[in-house]
Protein backbone atom coordinates (compact mmCIF):
# COMPACT_ATOMS: atom_id res chain seq x y z
CA UNK A 1 0.03 -0.04 -0.16
CA UNK A 2 1.23 3.41 -0.86
CA UNK A 3 0.59 6.08 1.80
CA UNK A 4 -1.16 9.26 -0.10
CA UNK A 5 -1.03 12.53 2.21
CA UNK A 6 -4.23 14.11 0.67
CA UNK A 7 -5.67 17.60 0.81
CA UNK A 8 -2.80 19.31 1.99
CA UNK A 9 -2.49 23.14 3.46
CA UNK A 10 0.83 24.93 2.09
CA UNK A 11 2.69 21.59 1.61
CA UNK A 12 1.67 20.40 5.10
CA UNK A 13 -0.91 17.97 6.90
CA UNK A 14 -3.60 16.21 4.73
CA UNK A 15 -5.60 13.22 5.54
CA UNK A 16 -3.31 9.87 4.96
CA UNK A 17 -4.98 7.11 3.21
CA UNK A 18 -3.55 3.76 1.76
CA UNK A 19 -3.91 2.88 -1.56
CA UNK A 20 -3.89 -0.41 -2.77
CA UNK A 21 -2.62 -1.15 -6.25
CA UNK A 22 -5.17 -4.38 -7.12
CA UNK A 23 -4.52 -4.51 -10.96
CA UNK A 24 -4.89 -6.89 -13.71
CA UNK A 25 -1.44 -7.98 -13.24
CA UNK A 26 -2.57 -9.51 -9.94
CA UNK A 27 -3.47 -12.89 -10.29
CA UNK A 28 -7.31 -13.02 -9.29
CA UNK A 29 -6.97 -15.65 -6.71
CA UNK A 30 -4.36 -12.97 -4.62
CA UNK A 31 -7.01 -10.70 -4.23
CA UNK A 32 -7.87 -9.65 -1.04
CA UNK A 33 -11.55 -9.92 0.55
CA UNK A 34 -13.76 -7.25 1.60
CA UNK A 35 -12.82 -8.68 5.09
CA UNK A 36 -9.37 -7.82 4.14
CA UNK A 37 -9.94 -4.34 3.00
CA UNK A 38 -11.55 -3.66 6.05
CA UNK A 39 -8.26 -4.37 8.05
CA UNK A 40 -6.08 -2.33 5.30
CA UNK A 41 -6.82 0.92 7.29
CA UNK A 42 -5.80 -0.12 10.98
CA UNK A 43 -2.66 -1.78 9.54
CA UNK A 44 -2.34 1.46 7.59
CA UNK A 45 -2.54 4.08 10.63
CA UNK A 46 -5.30 5.72 8.00
CA UNK A 47 -8.68 6.16 8.06
CA UNK A 48 -9.74 5.34 4.34
CA UNK A 49 -8.16 2.95 2.09
CA UNK A 50 -8.69 2.92 -1.22
CA UNK A 51 -7.89 0.11 -3.47
CA UNK A 52 -7.07 0.42 -7.35
CA UNK A 53 -7.82 -1.96 -10.36
CA UNK A 54 -7.53 -1.52 -14.32
CA UNK A 55 -10.90 -0.72 -15.88
CA UNK A 56 -11.41 -2.48 -19.70
CA UNK A 57 -13.10 1.03 -21.02
CA UNK A 58 -10.46 2.42 -23.40
CA UNK A 59 -8.47 5.71 -23.30
CA UNK A 60 -9.87 8.37 -25.58
CA UNK A 61 -6.56 8.54 -27.88
CA UNK A 62 -5.42 11.29 -26.20
CA UNK A 63 -1.71 11.07 -25.32
CA UNK A 64 -2.00 12.32 -21.07
CA UNK A 65 -4.89 10.14 -20.89
CA UNK A 66 -4.53 6.45 -19.65
CA UNK A 67 -7.17 3.48 -19.33
CA UNK A 68 -9.51 3.96 -16.74
CA UNK A 69 -9.05 2.68 -13.22
CA UNK A 70 -12.06 1.65 -11.22
CA UNK A 71 -11.64 2.66 -7.14
CA UNK A 72 -13.26 0.93 -3.85
CA UNK A 73 -13.29 3.13 -0.96
CA UNK A 74 -13.03 0.97 2.52
CA UNK A 75 -13.05 2.03 6.36
CA UNK A 76 -12.71 -0.92 9.20
CA UNK A 77 -16.59 -0.39 9.42
CA UNK A 78 -17.04 -1.65 5.57
CA UNK A 79 -17.60 -0.15 1.91
CA UNK A 80 -18.37 3.42 0.80
CA UNK A 81 -20.04 4.44 -1.96
CA UNK A 82 -18.10 7.52 -2.37
CA UNK A 83 -14.65 9.19 -0.99
CA UNK A 84 -13.40 12.77 -2.11
CA UNK A 85 -10.25 12.87 -0.38
CA UNK A 86 -9.91 9.06 -1.37
CA UNK A 87 -10.08 9.96 -4.74
CA UNK A 88 -8.26 12.77 -4.67
CA UNK A 89 -5.19 10.09 -3.40
CA UNK A 90 -6.07 7.91 -6.36
CA UNK A 91 -5.95 10.58 -8.68
CA UNK A 92 -2.75 11.89 -7.50
CA UNK A 93 -1.50 7.77 -6.87
CA UNK A 94 -2.29 7.38 -11.13
CA UNK A 95 -0.58 10.54 -11.98
CA UNK A 96 2.25 9.75 -9.72
CA UNK A 97 2.88 6.07 -11.07
CA UNK A 98 2.55 7.08 -14.44
CA UNK A 99 5.56 9.62 -14.31
CA UNK A 100 3.56 12.69 -15.60
CA UNK A 101 3.46 16.55 -15.06
CA UNK A 102 0.56 16.42 -15.78
CA UNK A 103 -2.15 13.62 -16.37
CA UNK A 104 -6.57 13.64 -16.95
CA UNK A 105 -7.47 10.40 -15.83
CA UNK A 106 -10.88 9.10 -15.38
CA UNK A 107 -11.99 6.92 -12.57
CA UNK A 108 -14.71 4.36 -12.00
CA UNK A 109 -16.48 4.88 -8.57
CA UNK A 110 -20.15 3.22 -7.47
CA UNK A 111 -20.90 3.06 -11.98
CA UNK A 112 -19.95 6.52 -12.40
CA UNK A 113 -17.11 8.38 -13.73
CA UNK A 114 -14.84 10.83 -11.98
CA UNK A 115 -12.75 12.92 -15.00
CA UNK A 116 -9.40 14.08 -12.81
CA UNK A 117 -6.73 16.34 -13.71
CA UNK A 118 -3.62 16.26 -12.02
CA UNK A 119 -0.95 18.58 -12.19
CA UNK A 120 2.66 19.33 -10.51
CA UNK A 121 2.16 21.38 -7.66
CA UNK A 122 4.03 24.56 -5.94
CA UNK A 123 6.65 22.23 -4.70
CA UNK A 124 8.38 18.96 -6.48
CA UNK A 125 6.42 16.76 -3.91
CA UNK A 126 3.07 17.68 -4.53
CA UNK A 127 0.57 17.52 -7.01
CA UNK A 128 -2.57 19.59 -7.53
CA UNK A 129 -5.54 16.96 -7.84
CA UNK A 130 -8.84 18.41 -9.68
CA UNK A 131 -12.20 16.28 -10.36
CA UNK A 132 -15.83 16.92 -10.64
CA UNK A 133 -17.89 15.93 -7.50
CA UNK A 134 -21.82 15.52 -8.00
CA UNK A 135 -25.22 15.86 -8.42
CA UNK A 136 -25.75 17.06 -5.01
CA UNK A 137 -29.18 17.29 -3.65
CA UNK A 138 -29.73 19.87 -0.31
CA UNK A 139 -32.90 19.88 1.77
CA UNK A 140 -34.25 21.18 4.79
CA UNK A 141 -33.52 18.86 8.13
CA UNK A 142 -36.98 18.32 10.16
CA UNK A 143 -37.45 18.57 13.43
CA UNK A 144 -37.13 15.35 14.97
CA UNK A 145 -33.96 14.56 13.41
CA UNK A 146 -32.40 18.45 14.94
CA UNK A 147 -33.59 16.79 17.84
CA UNK A 148 -31.66 13.95 17.96
CA UNK A 149 -29.12 14.48 16.39
CA UNK A 150 -27.76 18.24 18.22
CA UNK A 151 -27.41 16.74 21.10
CA UNK A 152 -25.54 13.97 20.28
CA UNK A 153 -23.00 16.38 18.52
CA UNK A 154 -23.25 18.72 22.00
CA UNK A 155 -24.52 21.18 20.41
CA UNK A 156 -27.42 24.06 21.43
CA UNK A 157 -30.72 23.60 19.57
CA UNK A 158 -30.15 27.86 18.49
CA UNK A 159 -27.67 25.73 15.86
CA UNK A 160 -30.32 24.43 13.81
CA UNK A 161 -30.90 27.74 11.98
CA UNK A 162 -29.31 27.32 8.49
CA UNK A 163 -28.94 23.50 9.07
CA UNK A 164 -29.18 21.41 5.54
CA UNK A 165 -29.46 17.40 4.92
CA UNK A 166 -27.06 17.46 1.75
CA UNK A 167 -26.51 14.29 -0.13
CA UNK A 168 -23.86 13.09 -2.19
CA UNK A 169 -22.94 9.76 -2.38
CA UNK A 170 -24.63 9.17 1.15
CA UNK A 171 -26.71 12.54 2.65
CA UNK A 172 -25.01 14.43 5.91
CA UNK A 173 -26.15 16.99 7.98
CA UNK A 174 -24.43 20.39 8.13
CA UNK A 175 -24.58 22.39 10.96
CA UNK A 176 -22.99 26.22 10.83
CA UNK A 177 -21.88 27.76 14.00
CA UNK A 178 -21.13 31.32 14.11
CA UNK A 179 -17.04 31.52 14.89
CA UNK A 180 -14.05 29.51 13.81
CA UNK A 181 -13.08 29.62 17.64
CA UNK A 182 -16.45 28.15 18.22
CA UNK A 183 -15.65 25.07 16.34
CA UNK A 184 -14.17 23.64 19.47
CA UNK A 185 -17.42 23.57 21.27
CA UNK A 186 -19.29 20.24 19.56
CA UNK A 187 -18.29 17.32 21.77
CA UNK A 188 -19.37 14.34 20.18
CA UNK A 189 -20.84 11.46 22.25
CA UNK A 190 -19.60 8.82 19.63
CA UNK A 191 -21.38 5.45 20.11
CA UNK A 192 -24.93 8.10 20.78
CA UNK A 193 -24.16 9.82 17.18
CA UNK A 194 -23.09 6.57 15.68
CA UNK A 195 -26.57 5.37 16.68
CA UNK A 196 -28.21 8.74 15.78
CA UNK A 197 -26.54 8.66 12.25
CA UNK A 198 -27.63 4.62 11.50
CA UNK A 199 -31.20 5.05 12.69
CA UNK A 200 -31.19 8.24 9.90
CA UNK A 201 -29.46 6.89 7.36
CA UNK A 202 -26.91 9.44 7.54
CA UNK A 203 -23.22 9.27 7.10
CA UNK A 204 -22.66 12.12 10.08
CA UNK A 205 -22.39 15.55 10.74
CA UNK A 206 -19.97 18.44 8.88
CA UNK A 207 -19.78 21.45 11.46
CA UNK A 208 -18.05 24.77 9.69
CA UNK A 209 -18.22 28.35 10.67
CA UNK A 210 -19.92 31.17 8.60
CA UNK A 211 -17.69 32.20 6.17
CA UNK A 212 -19.97 32.89 3.06
CA UNK A 213 -19.04 36.47 3.26
CA UNK A 214 -15.37 35.86 2.50
CA UNK A 215 -15.40 32.55 1.04
CA UNK A 216 -13.39 30.73 3.72
CA UNK A 217 -14.67 28.37 6.28
CA UNK A 218 -13.35 25.69 8.68
CA UNK A 219 -15.06 22.88 9.58
CA UNK A 220 -14.76 19.56 11.24
CA UNK A 221 -16.56 16.15 9.98
CA UNK A 222 -17.46 13.58 12.45
CA UNK A 223 -18.89 9.56 11.26
CA UNK A 224 -18.01 7.69 13.84
CA UNK A 225 -21.27 5.40 11.78
CA UNK A 226 -18.35 4.32 9.63
CA UNK A 227 -15.36 4.06 11.63
CA UNK A 228 -14.20 7.95 11.00
CA UNK A 229 -14.72 9.67 14.80
CA UNK A 230 -13.35 13.17 13.36
CA UNK A 231 -12.43 12.99 9.66
CA UNK A 232 -9.25 14.91 8.74
CA UNK A 233 -10.78 16.46 5.93
CA UNK A 234 -13.70 15.26 3.93
CA UNK A 235 -13.86 16.67 0.36
CA UNK A 236 -17.19 15.40 -0.47
CA UNK A 237 -18.78 17.51 2.77
CA UNK A 238 -17.14 20.40 1.61
CA UNK A 239 -18.81 20.04 -2.16
CA UNK A 240 -22.23 19.66 -0.34
CA UNK A 241 -21.10 22.94 1.63
CA UNK A 242 -20.36 24.41 -1.72
CA UNK A 243 -23.67 23.47 -2.65
CA UNK A 244 -25.49 24.93 -0.07
CA UNK A 245 -24.07 28.29 0.42
CA UNK A 246 -24.23 28.76 -2.97
CA UNK A 247 -27.75 28.12 -3.03
CA UNK A 248 -28.22 30.34 -0.08
CA UNK A 249 -25.75 32.99 -0.02
CA UNK A 250 -24.66 33.17 -3.84
CA UNK A 251 -21.52 32.11 -3.29
CA UNK A 252 -19.73 30.20 -5.73
CA UNK A 253 -16.22 29.16 -4.35
CA UNK A 254 -15.41 28.29 -0.59
CA UNK A 255 -11.50 27.05 0.78
CA UNK A 256 -12.71 24.55 3.82
CA UNK A 257 -10.09 24.17 6.67
CA UNK A 258 -10.24 21.21 8.00
CA UNK A 259 -7.77 19.24 10.31
CA UNK A 260 -6.62 21.65 12.74
CA UNK A 261 -8.34 19.33 16.23
CA UNK A 262 -6.54 16.73 14.96
CA UNK A 263 -3.00 18.77 14.11
CA UNK A 264 -3.10 17.83 10.26
CA UNK A 265 -4.10 20.74 8.83
CA UNK A 266 -6.08 20.22 5.44
CA UNK A 267 -7.84 22.52 2.76
CA UNK A 268 -10.57 21.73 -0.11
CA UNK A 269 -11.22 24.08 -2.89
CA UNK A 270 -15.15 23.26 -4.14
CA UNK A 271 -16.40 25.98 -6.66
CA UNK A 272 -20.47 25.11 -8.19
CA UNK A 273 -20.26 24.06 -11.19
CA UNK A 274 -24.08 24.53 -11.75
CA UNK A 275 -26.45 25.52 -9.52
CA UNK A 276 -28.94 22.87 -8.39
CA UNK A 277 -31.25 21.28 -8.51
CA UNK A 278 -28.53 18.32 -8.91
CA UNK A 279 -25.27 20.67 -8.22
CA UNK A 280 -22.38 20.14 -9.95
CA UNK A 281 -19.09 21.03 -8.00
CA UNK A 282 -15.16 21.20 -9.29
CA UNK A 283 -13.22 19.74 -5.76
CA UNK A 284 -8.80 20.92 -5.42
CA UNK A 285 -6.80 19.59 -3.55
CA UNK A 286 -3.48 19.07 -3.00
CA UNK A 287 -1.68 16.11 -2.38
CA UNK A 288 2.09 14.36 -1.85
CA UNK A 289 2.61 10.55 -2.12
CA UNK A 290 4.33 9.16 1.08
CA UNK A 291 6.00 5.98 1.88
CA UNK A 292 5.13 2.05 0.77
CA UNK A 293 4.42 0.07 3.16
CA UNK A 294 3.38 -3.81 3.05
CA UNK A 295 1.65 -5.37 5.92
CA UNK A 296 0.27 -9.13 5.93
CA UNK A 297 -3.60 -9.50 5.85
């Protein structure tokens, strides 16, 4: 497995993500089972793992396009239908493997084709990754949902104003707080929050600061129901927030800072390409290829 640090902030931090190449060169009898894939994040010391295999779809003939790859995403709890920072890590890994300064590549995720572009970053060791996320749907949370979720997050009922249920892959609650400093307030009870999210079929809760007027926000993502008490970088929730802020305030692009509570600063840039319904968002994150590790499973 290769550890890829996804969504760096000024070359530092990022979310370490295990990328495992399960290409066609690997004998079918040697492929991991899904139970073994669930063990990889714990072995790697990461929250998520990405498993790549060659996709039989042909390249489109351009010199800088490799054949499509298929990606699957796992936490210790099981498979996810999508993972934004895992997609950043996968695209960076494919570009590094190809040895290109620039690469356009399509990755198949849960039957959907994600088109990405990777270019050399500001430093020799980093790459800037851009891909299209979406479609995203938005709705108001019900009073019952908020009555269950906010206490589990340790937040007062007054935080309900401006909250939103956003779906990209899976639904999640977006919860605003007034300032960056207020992001220290959430004190989730992990077991309680996991149970509530499972009951409501939610991925988790994305708590974010106000910042629609400046285009820069800070956020924390709590997803104990999938085995991630707090995510270092959550790209898909950042894309959901961009769609929500466009619909609510007309903000077309945001930079989302995460990971500070974990000591691993991360930043995701999200720009809305087309508005709701079914908003499409372009995501950009910087990535750095880390060490290669080998473990028995």
